[in-house]
Amino acid sequence: MLTSALDCFDETEETNLVSVFEVKEEANWRQPLIDYIQYGILPIEPKKMLDVKRRALRFTFKNGTLYRKAFDGVLLRCLSQEEAIYVLSEVHARVCEAHLVGPRLPG
């Protein structure tokens, strides 16, 4: 006589199930630049290696934060994807409205 898996299942017995999901983390675009600027580590792939070397000239790493050097000398903080989404949501919510003196563009 054939029995199914459900016939063998005892409802009084406690069963523990474990589910495993692979979470794919987004690659942080800043990390190769930080690795090169701070430690001299370059990616293995020749194309990425050349790209990091070329781009690193426009960046600096200070106090644990990556900055891009603007043409006028101002350091622009580089944000992760999560930080950028948060900042954009705050700006769109008008939390950081411009406080300018004089004429400005109509909103």
PDB file of N, CA and C in Angstrom:
ATOM      1  N   MET A   1       0.842  -1.185   0.000  1.00  0.00           N
ATOM      2  CA  MET A   1       0.000   0.000   0.000  1.00  0.00           C
ATOM      3  C   MET A   1       0.886   1.247   0.000  1.00  0.00           C
ATOM      4  N   LEU A   2       0.569   2.180  -0.890  1.00  0.00           N
ATOM      5  CA  LEU A   2       1.332   3.420  -0.987  1.00  0.00           C
ATOM      6  C   LEU A   2       0.712   4.460  -0.074  1.00  0.00           C
ATOM      7  N   THR A   3       1.559   5.207   0.612  1.00  0.00           N
ATOM      8  CA  THR A   3       1.083   6.298   1.453  1.00  0.00           C
ATOM      9  C   THR A   3       1.698   7.585   0.948  1.00  0.00           C
ATOM     10  N   SER A   4       0.933   8.640   1.039  1.00  0.00           N
ATOM     11  CA  SER A   4       1.460   9.937   0.606  1.00  0.00           C
ATOM     12  C   SER A   4       2.221  10.582   1.744  1.00  0.00           C
ATOM     13  N   ALA A   5       2.924  11.652   1.435  1.00  0.00           N
ATOM     14  CA  ALA A   5       3.682  12.377   2.443  1.00  0.00           C
ATOM     15  C   ALA A   5       2.755  12.978   3.484  1.00  0.00           C
ATOM     16  N   LEU A   6       1.544  13.353   3.080  1.00  0.00           N
ATOM     17  CA  LEU A   6       0.602  13.935   4.029  1.00  0.00           C
ATOM     18  C   LEU A   6       0.087  12.897   5.021  1.00  0.00           C
ATOM     19  N   ASP A   7      -0.014  11.647   4.587  1.00  0.00           N
ATOM     20  CA  ASP A   7      -0.470  10.593   5.479  1.00  0.00           C
ATOM     21  C   ASP A   7       0.538  10.341   6.590  1.00  0.00           C
ATOM     22  N   CYS A   8       1.807  10.569   6.306  1.00  0.00           N
ATOM     23  CA  CYS A   8       2.856  10.327   7.295  1.00  0.00           C
ATOM     24  C   CYS A   8       3.076  11.519   8.216  1.00  0.00           C
ATOM     25  N   PHE A   9       2.448  12.630   7.928  1.00  0.00           N
ATOM     26  CA  PHE A   9       2.652  13.860   8.691  1.00  0.00           C
ATOM     27  C   PHE A   9       1.831  13.804   9.967  1.00  0.00           C
ATOM     28  N   ASP A  10       2.493  13.935  11.083  1.00  0.00           N
ATOM     29  CA  ASP A  10       1.831  13.927  12.382  1.00  0.00           C
ATOM     30  C   ASP A  10       1.591  15.365  12.798  1.00  0.00           C
ATOM     31  N   GLU A  11       0.323  15.766  12.912  1.00  0.00           N
ATOM     32  CA  GLU A  11      -0.003  17.160  13.234  1.00  0.00           C
ATOM     33  C   GLU A  11       0.383  17.547  14.648  1.00  0.00           C
ATOM     34  N   THR A  12       0.591  16.590  15.516  1.00  0.00           N
ATOM     35  CA  THR A  12       0.958  16.904  16.894  1.00  0.00           C
ATOM     36  C   THR A  12       2.440  17.206  17.016  1.00  0.00           C
ATOM     37  N   GLU A  13       3.210  16.808  16.020  1.00  0.00           N
ATOM     38  CA  GLU A  13       4.649  17.038  16.043  1.00  0.00           C
ATOM     39  C   GLU A  13       4.950  18.447  15.551  1.00  0.00           C
ATOM     40  N   GLU A  14       5.796  19.150  16.278  1.00  0.00           N
ATOM     41  CA  GLU A  14       6.170  20.515  15.900  1.00  0.00           C
ATOM     42  C   GLU A  14       7.184  20.466  14.761  1.00  0.00           C
ATOM     43  N   THR A  15       6.949  21.259  13.755  1.00  0.00           N
ATOM     44  CA  THR A  15       7.829  21.291  12.594  1.00  0.00           C
ATOM     45  C   THR A  15       8.418  22.679  12.452  1.00  0.00           C
ATOM     46  N   ASN A  16       9.716  22.735  12.243  1.00  0.00           N
ATOM     47  CA  ASN A  16      10.399  24.010  12.025  1.00  0.00           C
ATOM     48  C   ASN A  16      10.786  24.104  10.565  1.00  0.00           C
ATOM     49  N   LEU A  17      10.453  25.196   9.945  1.00  0.00           N
ATOM     50  CA  LEU A  17      10.815  25.435   8.556  1.00  0.00           C
ATOM     51  C   LEU A  17      11.800  26.577   8.495  1.00  0.00           C
ATOM     52  N   VAL A  18      12.752  26.459   7.628  1.00  0.00           N
ATOM     53  CA  VAL A  18      13.723  27.521   7.419  1.00  0.00           C
ATOM     54  C   VAL A  18      13.712  27.870   5.935  1.00  0.00           C
ATOM     55  N   SER A  19      13.533  29.133   5.644  1.00  0.00           N
ATOM     56  CA  SER A  19      13.584  29.601   4.267  1.00  0.00           C
ATOM     57  C   SER A  19      14.811  30.478   4.102  1.00  0.00           C
ATOM     58  N   VAL A  20      15.513  30.281   3.035  1.00  0.00           N
ATOM     59  CA  VAL A  20      16.713  31.062   2.768  1.00  0.00           C
ATOM     60  C   VAL A  20      16.504  31.803   1.461  1.00  0.00           C
ATOM     61  N   PHE A  21      16.686  33.115   1.508  1.00  0.00           N
ATOM     62  CA  PHE A  21      16.580  33.940   0.321  1.00  0.00           C
ATOM     63  C   PHE A  21      17.915  34.624   0.112  1.00  0.00           C
ATOM     64  N   GLU A  22      18.382  34.617  -1.094  1.00  0.00           N
ATOM     65  CA  GLU A  22      19.617  35.308  -1.412  1.00  0.00           C
ATOM     66  C   GLU A  22      19.287  36.775  -1.652  1.00  0.00           C
ATOM     67  N   VAL A  23      19.922  37.636  -0.898  1.00  0.00           N
ATOM     68  CA  VAL A  23      19.710  39.067  -1.048  1.00  0.00           C
ATOM     69  C   VAL A  23      20.887  39.620  -1.834  1.00  0.00           C
ATOM     70  N   LYS A  24      20.570  40.137  -3.001  1.00  0.00           N
ATOM     71  CA  LYS A  24      21.626  40.699  -3.830  1.00  0.00           C
ATOM     72  C   LYS A  24      21.834  42.151  -3.430  1.00  0.00           C
ATOM     73  N   GLU A  25      23.015  42.423  -2.900  1.00  0.00           N
ATOM     74  CA  GLU A  25      23.323  43.784  -2.492  1.00  0.00           C
ATOM     75  C   GLU A  25      23.765  44.577  -3.714  1.00  0.00           C
ATOM     76  N   GLU A  26      23.277  45.795  -3.779  1.00  0.00           N
ATOM     77  CA  GLU A  26      23.692  46.685  -4.854  1.00  0.00           C
ATOM     78  C   GLU A  26      25.165  47.038  -4.636  1.00  0.00           C
ATOM     79  N   ALA A  27      25.907  47.004  -5.682  1.00  0.00           N
ATOM     80  CA  ALA A  27      27.319  47.373  -5.587  1.00  0.00           C
ATOM     81  C   ALA A  27      27.415  48.865  -5.277  1.00  0.00           C
ATOM     82  N   ASN A  28      28.211  49.193  -4.294  1.00  0.00           N
ATOM     83  CA  ASN A  28      28.413  50.585  -3.922  1.00  0.00           C
ATOM     84  C   ASN A  28      29.417  51.184  -4.897  1.00  0.00           C
ATOM     85  N   TRP A  29      28.998  52.140  -5.693  1.00  0.00           N
ATOM     86  CA  TRP A  29      29.838  52.724  -6.739  1.00  0.00           C
ATOM     87  C   TRP A  29      31.061  53.421  -6.161  1.00  0.00           C
ATOM     88  N   ARG A  30      31.001  53.795  -4.883  1.00  0.00           N
ATOM     89  CA  ARG A  30      32.097  54.532  -4.263  1.00  0.00           C
ATOM     90  C   ARG A  30      33.251  53.631  -3.823  1.00  0.00           C
ATOM     91  N   GLN A  31      32.970  52.371  -3.543  1.00  0.00           N
ATOM     92  CA  GLN A  31      33.976  51.502  -2.929  1.00  0.00           C
ATOM     93  C   GLN A  31      35.249  51.319  -3.749  1.00  0.00           C
ATOM     94  N   PRO A  32      35.182  51.082  -5.073  1.00  0.00           N
ATOM     95  CA  PRO A  32      36.444  50.969  -5.827  1.00  0.00           C
ATOM     96  C   PRO A  32      37.297  52.234  -5.762  1.00  0.00           C
ATOM     97  N   LEU A  33      36.657  53.396  -5.757  1.00  0.00           N
ATOM     98  CA  LEU A  33      37.399  54.658  -5.649  1.00  0.00           C
ATOM     99  C   LEU A  33      38.050  54.792  -4.281  1.00  0.00           C
ATOM    100  N   ILE A  34      37.311  54.454  -3.234  1.00  0.00           N
ATOM    101  CA  ILE A  34      37.846  54.520  -1.869  1.00  0.00           C
ATOM    102  C   ILE A  34      39.014  53.556  -1.712  1.00  0.00           C
ATOM    103  N   ASP A  35      38.850  52.333  -2.217  1.00  0.00           N
ATOM    104  CA  ASP A  35      39.921  51.337  -2.122  1.00  0.00           C
ATOM    105  C   ASP A  35      41.193  51.821  -2.803  1.00  0.00           C
ATOM    106  N   TYR A  36      41.050  52.457  -3.957  1.00  0.00           N
ATOM    107  CA  TYR A  36      42.217  52.933  -4.688  1.00  0.00           C
ATOM    108  C   TYR A  36      42.852  54.151  -4.011  1.00  0.00           C
ATOM    109  N   ILE A  37      42.037  55.108  -3.624  1.00  0.00           N
ATOM    110  CA  ILE A  37      42.569  56.330  -3.004  1.00  0.00           C
ATOM    111  C   ILE A  37      43.218  56.026  -1.662  1.00  0.00           C
ATOM    112  N   GLN A  38      42.561  55.188  -0.862  1.00  0.00           N
ATOM    113  CA  GLN A  38      43.037  54.940   0.497  1.00  0.00           C
ATOM    114  C   GLN A  38      44.126  53.863   0.564  1.00  0.00           C
ATOM    115  N   TYR A  39      43.987  52.796  -0.225  1.00  0.00           N
ATOM    116  CA  TYR A  39      44.897  51.659  -0.091  1.00  0.00           C
ATOM    117  C   TYR A  39      45.676  51.313  -1.366  1.00  0.00           C
ATOM    118  N   GLY A  40      45.366  51.961  -2.482  1.00  0.00           N
ATOM    119  CA  GLY A  40      46.036  51.651  -3.732  1.00  0.00           C
ATOM    120  C   GLY A  40      45.559  50.357  -4.376  1.00  0.00           C
ATOM    121  N   ILE A  41      44.406  49.855  -3.955  1.00  0.00           N
ATOM    122  CA  ILE A  41      43.854  48.607  -4.494  1.00  0.00           C
ATOM    123  C   ILE A  41      43.026  48.918  -5.732  1.00  0.00           C
ATOM    124  N   LEU A  42      43.305  48.183  -6.807  1.00  0.00           N
ATOM    125  CA  LEU A  42      42.582  48.363  -8.067  1.00  0.00           C
ATOM    126  C   LEU A  42      41.802  47.107  -8.420  1.00  0.00           C
ATOM    127  N   PRO A  43      40.707  47.249  -9.171  1.00  0.00           N
ATOM    128  CA  PRO A  43      39.987  46.063  -9.652  1.00  0.00           C
ATOM    129  C   PRO A  43      40.883  45.217 -10.553  1.00  0.00           C
ATOM    130  N   ILE A  44      40.564  43.934 -10.668  1.00  0.00           N
ATOM    131  CA  ILE A  44      41.363  43.013 -11.472  1.00  0.00           C
ATOM    132  C   ILE A  44      41.132  43.223 -12.961  1.00  0.00           C
ATOM    133  N   GLU A  45      39.903  43.520 -13.339  1.00  0.00           N
ATOM    134  CA  GLU A  45      39.564  43.681 -14.750  1.00  0.00           C
ATOM    135  C   GLU A  45      40.242  44.935 -15.317  1.00  0.00           C
ATOM    136  N   PRO A  46      40.953  44.808 -16.437  1.00  0.00           N
ATOM    137  CA  PRO A  46      41.706  45.946 -16.996  1.00  0.00           C
ATOM    138  C   PRO A  46      40.849  47.177 -17.300  1.00  0.00           C
ATOM    139  N   LYS A  47      39.650  46.976 -17.835  1.00  0.00           N
ATOM    140  CA  LYS A  47      38.790  48.112 -18.169  1.00  0.00           C
ATOM    141  C   LYS A  47      38.367  48.867 -16.905  1.00  0.00           C
ATOM    142  N   LYS A  48      37.978  48.126 -15.868  1.00  0.00           N
ATOM    143  CA  LYS A  48      37.576  48.760 -14.604  1.00  0.00           C
ATOM    144  C   LYS A  48      38.772  49.407 -13.916  1.00  0.00           C
ATOM    145  N   MET A  49      39.940  48.777 -14.041  1.00  0.00           N
ATOM    146  CA  MET A  49      41.156  49.319 -13.442  1.00  0.00           C
ATOM    147  C   MET A  49      41.466  50.694 -14.024  1.00  0.00           C
ATOM    148  N   LEU A  50      41.421  50.788 -15.343  1.00  0.00           N
ATOM    149  CA  LEU A  50      41.689  52.055 -16.024  1.00  0.00           C
ATOM    150  C   LEU A  50      40.644  53.106 -15.648  1.00  0.00           C
ATOM    151  N   ASP A  51      39.384  52.691 -15.571  1.00  0.00           N
ATOM    152  CA  ASP A  51      38.296  53.607 -15.209  1.00  0.00           C
ATOM    153  C   ASP A  51      38.498  54.172 -13.808  1.00  0.00           C
ATOM    154  N   VAL A  52      38.847  53.319 -12.850  1.00  0.00           N
ATOM    155  CA  VAL A  52      39.051  53.778 -11.466  1.00  0.00           C
ATOM    156  C   VAL A  52      40.235  54.728 -11.394  1.00  0.00           C
ATOM    157  N   LYS A  53      41.325  54.395 -12.050  1.00  0.00           N
ATOM    158  CA  LYS A  53      42.495  55.277 -12.043  1.00  0.00           C
ATOM    159  C   LYS A  53      42.172  56.654 -12.613  1.00  0.00           C
ATOM    160  N   ARG A  54      41.443  56.659 -13.716  1.00  0.00           N
ATOM    161  CA  ARG A  54      41.088  57.922 -14.378  1.00  0.00           C
ATOM    162  C   ARG A  54      40.135  58.745 -13.509  1.00  0.00           C
ATOM    163  N   ARG A  55      39.115  58.111 -12.963  1.00  0.00           N
ATOM    164  CA  ARG A  55      38.113  58.832 -12.175  1.00  0.00           C
ATOM    165  C   ARG A  55      38.635  59.285 -10.814  1.00  0.00           C
ATOM    166  N   ALA A  56      39.564  58.546 -10.243  1.00  0.00           N
ATOM    167  CA  ALA A  56      40.063  58.849  -8.896  1.00  0.00           C
ATOM    168  C   ALA A  56      40.728  60.217  -8.806  1.00  0.00           C
ATOM    169  N   LEU A  57      41.193  60.746  -9.927  1.00  0.00           N
ATOM    170  CA  LEU A  57      41.842  62.058  -9.920  1.00  0.00           C
ATOM    171  C   LEU A  57      40.886  63.166  -9.502  1.00  0.00           C
ATOM    172  N   ARG A  58      39.592  62.960  -9.700  1.00  0.00           N
ATOM    173  CA  ARG A  58      38.596  63.992  -9.375  1.00  0.00           C
ATOM    174  C   ARG A  58      37.997  63.821  -7.979  1.00  0.00           C
ATOM    175  N   PHE A  59      38.500  62.857  -7.202  1.00  0.00           N
ATOM    176  CA  PHE A  59      37.931  62.564  -5.901  1.00  0.00           C
ATOM    177  C   PHE A  59      38.979  62.668  -4.809  1.00  0.00           C
ATOM    178  N   THR A  60      38.496  62.875  -3.574  1.00  0.00           N
ATOM    179  CA  THR A  60      39.360  62.840  -2.397  1.00  0.00           C
ATOM    180  C   THR A  60      38.595  62.131  -1.286  1.00  0.00           C
ATOM    181  N   PHE A  61      39.326  61.531  -0.370  1.00  0.00           N
ATOM    182  CA  PHE A  61      38.731  60.790   0.740  1.00  0.00           C
ATOM    183  C   PHE A  61      39.206  61.413   2.043  1.00  0.00           C
ATOM    184  N   LYS A  62      38.289  62.022   2.788  1.00  0.00           N
ATOM    185  CA  LYS A  62      38.633  62.707   4.039  1.00  0.00           C
ATOM    186  C   LYS A  62      37.678  62.299   5.141  1.00  0.00           C
ATOM    187  N   ASN A  63      38.229  61.991   6.288  1.00  0.00           N
ATOM    188  CA  ASN A  63      37.441  61.661   7.483  1.00  0.00           C
ATOM    189  C   ASN A  63      36.370  60.603   7.202  1.00  0.00           C
ATOM    190  N   GLY A  64      36.722  59.586   6.436  1.00  0.00           N
ATOM    191  CA  GLY A  64      35.796  58.488   6.172  1.00  0.00           C
ATOM    192  C   GLY A  64      34.713  58.790   5.156  1.00  0.00           C
ATOM    193  N   THR A  65      34.839  59.890   4.424  1.00  0.00           N
ATOM    194  CA  THR A  65      33.826  60.275   3.441  1.00  0.00           C
ATOM    195  C   THR A  65      34.489  60.582   2.104  1.00  0.00           C
ATOM    196  N   LEU A  66      33.857  60.118   1.026  1.00  0.00           N
ATOM    197  CA  LEU A  66      34.360  60.379  -0.315  1.00  0.00           C
ATOM    198  C   LEU A  66      33.749  61.672  -0.840  1.00  0.00           C
ATOM    199  N   TYR A  67      34.603  62.527  -1.397  1.00  0.00           N
ATOM    200  CA  TYR A  67      34.167  63.796  -1.959  1.00  0.00           C
ATOM    201  C   TYR A  67      34.646  63.895  -3.399  1.00  0.00           C
ATOM    202  N   ARG A  68      33.856  64.577  -4.234  1.00  0.00           N
ATOM    203  CA  ARG A  68      34.263  64.884  -5.601  1.00  0.00           C
ATOM    204  C   ARG A  68      34.713  66.335  -5.616  1.00  0.00           C
ATOM    205  N   LYS A  69      35.832  66.592  -6.259  1.00  0.00           N
ATOM    206  CA  LYS A  69      36.353  67.958  -6.338  1.00  0.00           C
ATOM    207  C   LYS A  69      35.660  68.676  -7.487  1.00  0.00           C
ATOM    208  N   ALA A  70      34.964  69.753  -7.171  1.00  0.00           N
ATOM    209  CA  ALA A  70      34.309  70.560  -8.199  1.00  0.00           C
ATOM    210  C   ALA A  70      35.357  71.478  -8.838  1.00  0.00           C
ATOM    211  N   PHE A  71      35.028  72.035  -9.996  1.00  0.00           N
ATOM    212  CA  PHE A  71      35.970  72.899 -10.707  1.00  0.00           C
ATOM    213  C   PHE A  71      36.319  74.153  -9.911  1.00  0.00           C
ATOM    214  N   ASP A  72      35.374  74.628  -9.085  1.00  0.00           N
ATOM    215  CA  ASP A  72      35.636  75.837  -8.300  1.00  0.00           C
ATOM    216  C   ASP A  72      36.288  75.534  -6.951  1.00  0.00           C
ATOM    217  N   GLY A  73      36.678  74.272  -6.710  1.00  0.00           N
ATOM    218  CA  GLY A  73      37.378  73.914  -5.485  1.00  0.00           C
ATOM    219  C   GLY A  73      36.482  73.399  -4.372  1.00  0.00           C
ATOM    220  N   VAL A  74      35.192  73.476  -4.559  1.00  0.00           N
ATOM    221  CA  VAL A  74      34.258  73.001  -3.545  1.00  0.00           C
ATOM    222  C   VAL A  74      34.265  71.474  -3.540  1.00  0.00           C
ATOM    223  N   LEU A  75      34.239  70.881  -2.336  1.00  0.00           N
ATOM    224  CA  LEU A  75      34.156  69.427  -2.223  1.00  0.00           C
ATOM    225  C   LEU A  75      32.692  69.020  -2.135  1.00  0.00           C
ATOM    226  N   LEU A  76      32.284  68.130  -3.034  1.00  0.00           N
ATOM    227  CA  LEU A  76      30.905  67.652  -3.094  1.00  0.00           C
ATOM    228  C   LEU A  76      30.845  66.252  -2.497  1.00  0.00           C
ATOM    229  N   ARG A  77      30.029  66.066  -1.482  1.00  0.00           N
ATOM    230  CA  ARG A  77      29.932  64.766  -0.815  1.00  0.00           C
ATOM    231  C   ARG A  77      29.285  63.738  -1.729  1.00  0.00           C
ATOM    232  N   CYS A  78      29.901  62.585  -1.838  1.00  0.00           N
ATOM    233  CA  CYS A  78      29.379  61.490  -2.653  1.00  0.00           C
ATOM    234  C   CYS A  78      28.441  60.638  -1.798  1.00  0.00           C
ATOM    235  N   LEU A  79      27.252  60.389  -2.317  1.00  0.00           N
ATOM    236  CA  LEU A  79      26.224  59.673  -1.571  1.00  0.00           C
ATOM    237  C   LEU A  79      26.033  58.263  -2.101  1.00  0.00           C
ATOM    238  N   SER A  80      25.615  57.381  -1.202  1.00  0.00           N
ATOM    239  CA  SER A  80      25.212  56.044  -1.630  1.00  0.00           C
ATOM    240  C   SER A  80      23.830  56.150  -2.262  1.00  0.00           C
ATOM    241  N   GLN A  81      23.356  55.072  -2.842  1.00  0.00           N
ATOM    242  CA  GLN A  81      22.037  55.092  -3.477  1.00  0.00           C
ATOM    243  C   GLN A  81      20.950  55.380  -2.437  1.00  0.00           C
ATOM    244  N   GLU A  82      21.053  54.780  -1.260  1.00  0.00           N
ATOM    245  CA  GLU A  82      20.058  55.006  -0.212  1.00  0.00           C
ATOM    246  C   GLU A  82      20.065  56.452   0.265  1.00  0.00           C
ATOM    247  N   GLU A  83      21.274  57.018   0.457  1.00  0.00           N
ATOM    248  CA  GLU A  83      21.384  58.408   0.886  1.00  0.00           C
ATOM    249  C   GLU A  83      20.825  59.352  -0.172  1.00  0.00           C
ATOM    250  N   ALA A  84      21.096  59.072  -1.434  1.00  0.00           N
ATOM    251  CA  ALA A  84      20.604  59.917  -2.514  1.00  0.00           C
ATOM    252  C   ALA A  84      19.081  59.900  -2.588  1.00  0.00           C
ATOM    253  N   ILE A  85      18.484  58.735  -2.419  1.00  0.00           N
ATOM    254  CA  ILE A  85      17.022  58.627  -2.424  1.00  0.00           C
ATOM    255  C   ILE A  85      16.430  59.428  -1.273  1.00  0.00           C
ATOM    256  N   TYR A  86      17.046  59.346  -0.095  1.00  0.00           N
ATOM    257  CA  TYR A  86      16.565  60.102   1.064  1.00  0.00           C
ATOM    258  C   TYR A  86      16.665  61.607   0.812  1.00  0.00           C
ATOM    259  N   VAL A  87      17.816  62.051   0.305  1.00  0.00           N
ATOM    260  CA  VAL A  87      18.013  63.483   0.052  1.00  0.00           C
ATOM    261  C   VAL A  87      17.004  63.984  -0.973  1.00  0.00           C
ATOM    262  N   LEU A  88      16.805  63.229  -2.050  1.00  0.00           N
ATOM    263  CA  LEU A  88      15.836  63.636  -3.070  1.00  0.00           C
ATOM    264  C   LEU A  88      14.425  63.710  -2.508  1.00  0.00           C
ATOM    265  N   SER A  89      14.068  62.771  -1.642  1.00  0.00           N
ATOM    266  CA  SER A  89      12.727  62.820  -1.044  1.00  0.00           C
ATOM    267  C   SER A  89      12.573  64.042  -0.154  1.00  0.00           C
ATOM    268  N   GLU A  90      13.630  64.411   0.558  1.00  0.00           N
ATOM    269  CA  GLU A  90      13.579  65.603   1.406  1.00  0.00           C
ATOM    270  C   GLU A  90      13.474  66.870   0.557  1.00  0.00           C
ATOM    271  N   VAL A  91      14.229  66.927  -0.512  1.00  0.00           N
ATOM    272  CA  VAL A  91      14.192  68.100  -1.390  1.00  0.00           C
ATOM    273  C   VAL A  91      12.823  68.229  -2.038  1.00  0.00           C
ATOM    274  N   HIS A  92      12.275  67.110  -2.513  1.00  0.00           N
ATOM    275  CA  HIS A  92      10.961  67.150  -3.153  1.00  0.00           C
ATOM    276  C   HIS A  92       9.857  67.477  -2.157  1.00  0.00           C
ATOM    277  N   ALA A  93      10.104  67.206  -0.881  1.00  0.00           N
ATOM    278  CA  ALA A  93       9.123  67.544   0.152  1.00  0.00           C
ATOM    279  C   ALA A  93       9.279  68.998   0.598  1.00  0.00           C
ATOM    280  N   ARG A  94      10.171  69.717  -0.054  1.00  0.00           N
ATOM    281  CA  ARG A  94      10.457  71.128   0.224  1.00  0.00           C
ATOM    282  C   ARG A  94      11.006  71.359   1.632  1.00  0.00           C
ATOM    283  N   VAL A  95      11.672  70.368   2.184  1.00  0.00           N
ATOM    284  CA  VAL A  95      12.296  70.521   3.488  1.00  0.00           C
ATOM    285  C   VAL A  95      13.492  71.455   3.381  1.00  0.00           C
ATOM    286  N   CYS A  96      14.188  71.395   2.266  1.00  0.00           N
ATOM    287  CA  CYS A  96      15.400  72.187   2.075  1.00  0.00           C
ATOM    288  C   CYS A  96      15.161  73.290   1.041  1.00  0.00           C
ATOM    289  N   GLU A  97      14.146  74.100   1.223  1.00  0.00           N
ATOM    290  CA  GLU A  97      13.879  75.173   0.270  1.00  0.00           C
ATOM    291  C   GLU A  97      15.035  76.165   0.259  1.00  0.00           C
ATOM    292  N   ALA A  98      15.227  76.781  -0.861  1.00  0.00           N
ATOM    293  CA  ALA A  98      16.302  77.760  -1.000  1.00  0.00           C
ATOM    294  C   ALA A  98      15.936  79.038  -0.245  1.00  0.00           C
ATOM    295  N   HIS A  99      16.906  79.559   0.461  1.00  0.00           N
ATOM    296  CA  HIS A  99      16.738  80.832   1.159  1.00  0.00           C
ATOM    297  C   HIS A  99      17.700  81.811   0.507  1.00  0.00           C
ATOM    298  N   LEU A 100      17.281  82.357  -0.616  1.00  0.00           N
ATOM    299  CA  LEU A 100      18.152  83.220  -1.395  1.00  0.00           C
ATOM    300  C   LEU A 100      17.721  84.678  -1.238  1.00  0.00           C
ATOM    301  N   VAL A 101      18.698  85.563  -1.286  1.00  0.00           N
ATOM    302  CA  VAL A 101      18.434  86.979  -1.252  1.00  0.00           C
ATOM    303  C   VAL A 101      18.405  87.464  -2.694  1.00  0.00           C
ATOM    304  N   GLY A 102      17.434  88.276  -3.031  1.00  0.00           N
ATOM    305  CA  GLY A 102      17.368  88.809  -4.376  1.00  0.00           C
ATOM    306  C   GLY A 102      16.477  87.960  -5.266  1.00  0.00           C
ATOM    307  N   PRO A 103      16.545  88.245  -6.573  1.00  0.00           N
ATOM    308  CA  PRO A 103      15.655  87.535  -7.501  1.00  0.00           C
ATOM    309  C   PRO A 103      16.015  86.054  -7.616  1.00  0.00           C
ATOM    310  N   ARG A 104      15.021  85.250  -7.828  1.00  0.00           N
ATOM    311  CA  ARG A 104      15.227  83.825  -8.052  1.00  0.00           C
ATOM    312  C   ARG A 104      14.189  83.329  -9.023  1.00  0.00           C
ATOM    313  N   LEU A 105      14.364  82.127  -9.494  1.00  0.00           N
ATOM    314  CA  LEU A 105      13.412  81.574 -10.432  1.00  0.00           C
ATOM    315  C   LEU A 105      12.069  81.325  -9.752  1.00  0.00           C
ATOM    316  N   PRO A 106      10.973  81.604 -10.451  1.00  0.00           N
ATOM    317  CA  PRO A 106       9.663  81.353  -9.840  1.00  0.00           C
ATOM    318  C   PRO A 106       9.448  79.860  -9.647  1.00  0.00           C
ATOM    319  N   GLY A 107       8.800  79.487  -8.541  1.00  0.00           N
ATOM    320  CA  GLY A 107       8.601  78.074  -8.212  1.00  0.00           C
ATOM    321  C   GLY A 107       7.295  77.665  -8.557  1.00  0.00           C
TER     322      GLY A 107
END
